[in-house]
């Protein structure tokens, strides 16, 4: 069960939604609570409901990635808690500047670790940072809905009719290296750059304005999650242009696997996860443009498609959930067999 946070089911679907969906596919009745929903509905095997009146209170597994939500734990009778540290906790800092200390993630994190039956992290870097708190934590990297991103789809009508398309999908916030993408677009005016995703504060408004003024750059804004695979499948190269800092060095980018599942070569900044993933070129500075050049050439080779499909298959969410279910079985905490 997913307790209410800022997340929506149909917008910017990320690791939490996919893991809840994977629980559902494994046979667990799954609930995603969102007070903005007008009425209960069933999507992808998950019951999307507007409040706790629509969920069971006993025999539940609570999937938690935002520690302050622990205030709702008492609404359930002896729940199993799966606490997922899918990003470094510093990701919350920009949004917590005006919050009193007792409402910040740090004020609740340690207590949730103690209460959790299973603690997950999305990358080995995060494991190194939190193993002293939870020695038995599980490393469960991000994954991909292989069927969604590998299946043919109609070309979106708002995509520019120009090639090659160097694309990005996801939030544009302070971790997005606007200057790097701007310089790349300036050096390759013959390429078409397409960015699909919302602008999320904080971000550099002036720098993004300079990027958007380039004639070969198209900022399409946010699109429903179910439409994202259609855009990705039209990319010739997929970008992960993240700034390098404490937060991003611990990420396991979802989009990296989604690009590969769609048969799209990837160019990323030198994130540890990018350097470790076949089919991904890691580069920074002026070398970033050269890496995109190389990726465009590699993407046309049949052997790349086979390599990308193999990497994506290993990262399918159905496989990513297996160690979580196995750990719950070992602890005799599975609610469904």
Protein backbone atom coordinates (compact mmCIF):
# COMPACT_ATOMS: atom_id res chain seq x y z
CA UNK A 1 0.00 0.00 0.00
CA UNK A 2 1.24 3.46 -0.95
CA UNK A 3 0.28 6.18 1.53
CA UNK A 4 -0.40 9.71 0.23
CA UNK A 5 2.48 11.98 -0.76
CA UNK A 6 2.91 14.42 -3.66
CA UNK A 7 3.01 11.58 -6.21
CA UNK A 8 0.26 11.00 -8.78
CA UNK A 9 -0.37 7.74 -10.57
CA UNK A 10 -0.72 9.14 -14.08
CA UNK A 11 2.00 11.84 -13.94
CA UNK A 12 5.75 11.37 -13.70
CA UNK A 13 5.45 7.69 -12.87
CA UNK A 14 8.57 6.74 -10.99
CA UNK A 15 10.02 3.93 -8.87
CA UNK A 16 7.30 3.99 -6.17
CA UNK A 17 4.46 3.54 -8.63
CA UNK A 18 6.30 0.82 -10.52
CA UNK A 19 7.15 -1.11 -7.35
CA UNK A 20 3.54 -0.93 -6.18
CA UNK A 21 2.50 -2.19 -9.60
CA UNK A 22 5.05 -5.02 -9.28
CA UNK A 23 3.56 -5.99 -5.91
CA UNK A 24 0.17 -6.15 -7.63
CA UNK A 25 1.55 -8.32 -10.43
CA UNK A 26 2.96 -10.66 -7.78
CA UNK A 27 -0.56 -11.21 -6.43
CA UNK A 28 -0.83 -8.63 -3.65
CA UNK A 29 -3.99 -6.50 -3.61
CA UNK A 30 -2.29 -3.12 -4.06
CA UNK A 31 -3.58 0.32 -3.08
CA UNK A 32 -2.28 3.76 -4.03
CA UNK A 33 -3.77 6.51 -1.86
CA UNK A 34 -4.08 9.98 -3.43
CA UNK A 35 -6.52 12.51 -1.90
CA UNK A 36 -6.75 14.31 -5.25
CA UNK A 37 -8.52 11.34 -6.82
CA UNK A 38 -12.28 11.95 -7.19
CA UNK A 39 -13.23 8.28 -6.80
CA UNK A 40 -11.65 4.81 -6.58
CA UNK A 41 -10.45 3.27 -9.82
CA UNK A 42 -8.43 0.23 -10.90
CA UNK A 43 -5.36 0.86 -13.10
CA UNK A 44 -2.59 -1.60 -13.98
CA UNK A 45 -3.84 -3.94 -11.25
CA UNK A 46 -3.56 -1.20 -8.60
CA UNK A 47 -6.52 0.29 -6.76
CA UNK A 48 -6.18 4.08 -6.88
CA UNK A 49 -8.23 5.47 -3.98
CA UNK A 50 -8.84 8.96 -2.53
CA UNK A 51 -8.47 8.18 1.18
CA UNK A 52 -7.82 5.56 3.84
CA UNK A 53 -11.51 4.65 4.10
CA UNK A 54 -11.01 2.54 0.98
CA UNK A 55 -8.08 0.45 2.23
CA UNK A 56 -7.75 -2.50 4.63
CA UNK A 57 -6.29 -1.78 8.06
CA UNK A 58 -4.95 -5.26 8.86
CA UNK A 59 -2.55 -7.58 7.08
CA UNK A 60 -0.98 -4.79 5.05
CA UNK A 61 2.48 -4.05 3.65
CA UNK A 62 3.17 -0.31 3.69
CA UNK A 63 5.57 0.86 0.98
CA UNK A 64 7.16 4.07 2.29
CA UNK A 65 9.75 6.35 0.69
CA UNK A 66 8.94 9.61 2.50
CA UNK A 67 9.72 9.32 6.20
CA UNK A 68 7.25 11.95 7.55
CA UNK A 69 4.41 9.70 6.41
CA UNK A 70 5.12 7.58 9.52
CA UNK A 71 2.45 9.66 11.23
CA UNK A 72 -0.08 7.43 9.42
CA UNK A 73 1.41 4.12 10.55
CA UNK A 74 -0.83 4.06 13.62
CA UNK A 75 -3.88 3.83 11.38
CA UNK A 76 -2.93 0.19 10.69
CA UNK A 77 -2.86 -2.92 12.82
CA UNK A 78 0.73 -4.26 12.98
CA UNK A 79 1.71 -3.27 9.42
CA UNK A 80 4.77 -4.57 7.59
CA UNK A 81 6.88 -1.54 6.61
CA UNK A 82 9.08 -1.52 3.51
CA UNK A 83 11.14 1.68 3.61
CA UNK A 84 12.65 2.62 0.26
CA UNK A 85 15.59 5.04 0.13
CA UNK A 86 15.50 5.58 -3.61
CA UNK A 87 17.41 8.90 -3.48
CA UNK A 88 19.91 10.52 -1.17
CA UNK A 89 18.03 12.39 1.56
CA UNK A 90 19.63 15.64 0.39
CA UNK A 91 17.12 15.68 -2.47
CA UNK A 92 14.58 17.09 0.01
CA UNK A 93 16.77 19.99 1.16
CA UNK A 94 15.58 22.63 -1.37
CA UNK A 95 11.93 21.98 -0.46
CA UNK A 96 12.50 22.05 3.29
CA UNK A 97 14.12 25.45 3.68
CA UNK A 98 11.01 27.01 5.20
CA UNK A 99 9.85 23.97 7.16
CA UNK A 100 10.30 23.72 10.94
CA UNK A 101 12.80 20.98 11.92
CA UNK A 102 10.13 18.59 13.22
CA UNK A 103 8.49 18.42 9.79
CA UNK A 104 11.63 17.66 7.85
CA UNK A 105 12.61 14.23 6.56
CA UNK A 106 15.64 14.05 8.87
CA UNK A 107 13.39 14.29 11.93
CA UNK A 108 11.57 11.07 10.95
CA UNK A 109 14.12 9.07 8.97
CA UNK A 110 15.87 7.28 11.85
CA UNK A 111 12.57 6.25 13.43
CA UNK A 112 11.29 4.79 10.15
CA UNK A 113 14.54 2.85 9.70
CA UNK A 114 14.05 1.37 13.17
CA UNK A 115 10.41 0.52 12.50
CA UNK A 116 10.95 -0.87 9.01
CA UNK A 117 10.89 -4.60 8.43
CA UNK A 118 12.78 -4.19 5.14
CA UNK A 119 14.94 -1.26 4.02
CA UNK A 120 15.65 -0.82 0.31
CA UNK A 121 18.15 1.39 -1.46
CA UNK A 122 18.34 2.02 -5.21
CA UNK A 123 22.14 2.00 -5.59
CA UNK A 124 25.27 0.71 -3.91
CA UNK A 125 26.36 4.28 -3.17
CA UNK A 126 23.26 4.70 -1.02
CA UNK A 127 23.93 1.33 0.58
CA UNK A 128 27.35 2.54 1.70
CA UNK A 129 25.76 5.64 3.24
CA UNK A 130 23.01 3.82 5.14
CA UNK A 131 24.35 0.36 5.96
CA UNK A 132 25.38 1.54 9.43
CA UNK A 133 21.69 2.22 10.10
CA UNK A 134 20.33 -0.93 8.46
CA UNK A 135 22.99 -3.65 8.04
CA UNK A 136 20.54 -5.96 6.23
CA UNK A 137 19.32 -3.42 3.69
CA UNK A 138 18.60 -4.58 0.15
CA UNK A 139 20.04 -2.97 -2.97
CA UNK A 140 17.21 -2.90 -5.51
CA UNK A 141 18.22 -0.82 -8.49
CA UNK A 142 15.71 1.04 -10.61
CA UNK A 143 14.10 -0.76 -13.47
CA UNK A 144 11.83 -0.54 -16.46
CA UNK A 145 8.46 -1.70 -17.75
CA UNK A 146 9.99 -3.55 -20.68
CA UNK A 147 6.70 -4.24 -22.45
CA UNK A 148 5.64 -0.58 -22.32
CA UNK A 149 8.92 0.78 -23.68
CA UNK A 150 9.69 -1.95 -26.24
CA UNK A 151 6.26 -2.12 -27.91
CA UNK A 152 5.59 -0.13 -31.12
CA UNK A 153 3.50 3.01 -30.65
CA UNK A 154 2.19 5.80 -32.91
CA UNK A 155 4.46 8.80 -33.23
CA UNK A 156 3.27 11.68 -30.99
CA UNK A 157 1.83 14.53 -33.04
CA UNK A 158 3.79 17.25 -31.25
CA UNK A 159 7.22 15.77 -31.98
CA UNK A 160 9.16 17.85 -34.51
CA UNK A 161 9.56 16.18 -37.88
CA UNK A 162 13.34 16.35 -37.92
CA UNK A 163 16.16 13.91 -37.26
CA UNK A 164 18.19 12.94 -35.45
CA UNK A 165 16.27 13.50 -32.22
CA UNK A 166 18.38 13.81 -29.09
CA UNK A 167 15.84 13.44 -26.31
CA UNK A 168 15.33 13.68 -22.59
CA UNK A 169 12.32 12.77 -20.50
CA UNK A 170 11.86 13.57 -16.84
CA UNK A 171 11.77 16.51 -14.48
CA UNK A 172 13.86 19.58 -15.19
CA UNK A 173 15.14 20.82 -11.83
CA UNK A 174 18.38 21.87 -10.17
CA UNK A 175 20.06 18.54 -10.97
CA UNK A 176 19.51 18.99 -14.73
CA UNK A 177 22.65 20.46 -16.33
CA UNK A 178 21.07 23.14 -18.50
CA UNK A 179 24.41 24.62 -19.53
CA UNK A 180 25.70 21.26 -20.75
CA UNK A 181 22.62 20.67 -22.90
CA UNK A 182 22.74 24.26 -24.19
CA UNK A 183 26.36 23.93 -25.26
CA UNK A 184 25.66 20.57 -26.90
CA UNK A 185 22.72 22.02 -28.85
CA UNK A 186 24.81 25.01 -29.96
CA UNK A 187 27.62 22.80 -31.22
CA UNK A 188 25.23 20.54 -33.16
CA UNK A 189 22.57 22.80 -34.76
CA UNK A 190 21.70 19.99 -37.18
CA UNK A 191 20.37 17.85 -34.31
CA UNK A 192 16.89 18.26 -32.85
CA UNK A 193 16.72 18.36 -29.07
CA UNK A 194 13.43 17.36 -27.42
CA UNK A 195 12.81 17.68 -23.68
CA UNK A 196 9.65 16.03 -22.33
CA UNK A 197 8.85 16.76 -18.69
CA UNK A 198 7.77 19.33 -16.13
CA UNK A 199 9.78 22.24 -14.79
CA UNK A 200 10.24 21.63 -11.07
CA UNK A 201 11.49 24.31 -8.71
CA UNK A 202 14.21 25.13 -8.01
CA UNK A 203 15.80 25.52 -11.44
CA UNK A 204 17.75 28.23 -13.25
CA UNK A 205 15.06 30.20 -15.08
CA UNK A 206 17.49 32.37 -17.04
CA UNK A 207 19.62 29.44 -18.17
CA UNK A 208 16.56 27.49 -19.25
CA UNK A 209 15.29 30.52 -21.18
CA UNK A 210 18.59 30.67 -23.07
CA UNK A 211 18.25 26.97 -23.90
CA UNK A 212 14.65 27.30 -25.07
CA UNK A 213 15.54 30.13 -27.46
CA UNK A 214 17.78 27.88 -29.53
CA UNK A 215 15.98 26.99 -32.78
CA UNK A 216 16.82 23.28 -32.56
CA UNK A 217 15.53 22.87 -28.98
CA UNK A 218 11.91 21.95 -28.17
CA UNK A 219 10.58 21.92 -24.58
CA UNK A 220 7.32 20.00 -24.79
CA UNK A 221 6.40 20.07 -21.11
CA UNK A 222 4.88 17.28 -19.06
CA UNK A 223 2.96 14.44 -20.67
CA UNK A 224 0.93 11.62 -19.07
CA UNK A 225 3.06 8.67 -18.00
CA UNK A 226 1.36 6.29 -20.43
CA UNK A 227 2.43 8.52 -23.35
CA UNK A 228 6.12 8.69 -22.44
CA UNK A 229 7.15 5.42 -24.19
CA UNK A 230 5.86 6.79 -27.51
CA UNK A 231 8.19 9.79 -27.21
CA UNK A 232 11.18 7.74 -26.08
CA UNK A 233 10.82 5.32 -28.97
CA UNK A 234 11.26 8.24 -31.38
CA UNK A 235 14.56 9.34 -29.82
CA UNK A 236 17.80 8.52 -31.61
CA UNK A 237 19.78 9.16 -28.42
CA UNK A 238 18.53 9.47 -24.84
CA UNK A 239 20.23 11.90 -22.48
CA UNK A 240 20.81 11.78 -18.72
CA UNK A 241 22.49 15.20 -18.30
CA UNK A 242 22.68 15.41 -14.52
CA UNK A 243 25.02 17.62 -12.55
CA UNK A 244 27.46 15.65 -10.41
CA UNK A 245 26.93 16.10 -6.68
CA UNK A 246 26.17 14.08 -3.55
CA UNK A 247 22.57 13.53 -4.57
CA UNK A 248 23.08 12.54 -8.20
CA UNK A 249 26.08 10.28 -7.64
CA UNK A 250 23.69 7.99 -5.76
CA UNK A 251 20.92 7.85 -8.38
CA UNK A 252 19.97 4.87 -10.50
CA UNK A 253 18.21 6.72 -13.34
CA UNK A 254 14.94 5.15 -14.42
CA UNK A 255 15.19 6.82 -17.81
CA UNK A 256 18.48 5.07 -18.52
CA UNK A 257 16.76 1.68 -18.54
CA UNK A 258 13.69 3.04 -20.31
CA UNK A 259 15.82 4.38 -23.17
CA UNK A 260 17.56 1.02 -23.49
CA UNK A 261 14.27 -0.93 -23.45
CA UNK A 262 13.18 1.25 -26.37
CA UNK A 263 16.39 0.41 -28.23
CA UNK A 264 17.81 3.93 -27.75
CA UNK A 265 21.52 4.44 -26.94
CA UNK A 266 22.20 6.52 -23.85
CA UNK A 267 24.63 9.35 -23.10
CA UNK A 268 24.93 10.40 -19.47
CA UNK A 269 27.21 12.44 -17.31
CA UNK A 270 29.66 10.22 -15.36
CA UNK A 271 27.24 8.98 -12.72
CA UNK A 272 28.38 5.73 -11.06
CA UNK A 273 25.23 3.98 -12.33
CA UNK A 274 25.85 5.19 -15.89
CA UNK A 275 29.48 4.06 -15.91
CA UNK A 276 28.40 0.60 -14.77
CA UNK A 277 25.64 0.03 -17.34
CA UNK A 278 26.32 -1.48 -20.80
CA UNK A 279 24.91 0.56 -23.67
CA UNK A 280 25.49 3.83 -21.80
CA UNK A 281 28.23 6.32 -22.66
CA UNK A 282 29.39 8.49 -19.78
CA UNK A 283 31.01 11.85 -20.55
CA UNK A 284 31.14 15.43 -19.38
CA UNK A 285 32.20 18.82 -20.72
CA UNK A 286 33.19 19.02 -24.41
CA UNK A 287 33.41 15.22 -24.59
CA UNK A 288 29.65 15.02 -24.08
CA UNK A 289 29.01 16.09 -27.68
CA UNK A 290 31.46 13.50 -28.97
CA UNK A 291 29.71 10.83 -26.92
CA UNK A 292 26.39 11.71 -28.55
CA UNK A 293 28.08 11.48 -31.96
CA UNK A 294 29.28 7.99 -31.08
CA UNK A 295 25.89 6.98 -29.72
CA UNK A 296 24.15 8.03 -32.93
CA UNK A 297 26.47 5.76 -34.89
CA UNK A 298 26.19 2.83 -32.47
CA UNK A 299 22.40 3.04 -32.36
CA UNK A 300 22.22 2.03 -36.01
CA UNK A 301 24.09 -1.26 -35.44
CA UNK A 302 22.05 -4.48 -34.98
CA UNK A 303 24.31 -5.68 -32.16
CA UNK A 304 23.39 -2.64 -30.08
CA UNK A 305 19.70 -3.56 -30.14
CA UNK A 306 20.50 -7.02 -28.76
CA UNK A 307 22.72 -5.60 -26.01
CA UNK A 308 20.15 -2.99 -25.00
CA UNK A 309 17.35 -5.55 -24.90
CA UNK A 310 19.41 -7.82 -22.66
CA UNK A 311 20.19 -5.01 -20.20
CA UNK A 312 16.54 -3.95 -20.12
CA UNK A 313 15.29 -7.51 -19.58
CA UNK A 314 17.50 -7.87 -16.51
CA UNK A 315 16.08 -4.59 -15.19
CA UNK A 316 12.39 -5.40 -15.69
CA UNK A 317 10.36 -4.46 -12.62
CA UNK A 318 9.10 -8.02 -12.34
CA UNK A 319 12.68 -9.09 -11.68
CA UNK A 320 13.55 -6.10 -9.51
CA UNK A 321 10.78 -6.98 -7.06
CA UNK A 322 11.97 -10.58 -6.60
CA UNK A 323 14.54 -9.94 -3.80
CA UNK A 324 11.98 -7.83 -1.92
CA UNK A 325 9.44 -10.64 -2.01
CA UNK A 326 12.13 -13.16 -1.09
CA UNK A 327 13.15 -11.08 1.95
CA UNK A 328 9.53 -10.85 3.08
CA UNK A 329 9.25 -14.62 2.66
CA UNK A 330 12.41 -15.15 4.74
CA UNK A 331 10.87 -13.03 7.50
CA UNK A 332 7.51 -14.78 7.13
CA UNK A 333 5.92 -11.41 6.35
CA UNK A 334 4.44 -12.02 2.91
CA UNK A 335 0.73 -11.26 3.03
CA UNK A 336 0.04 -13.17 -0.20
CA UNK A 337 1.61 -16.41 -1.42
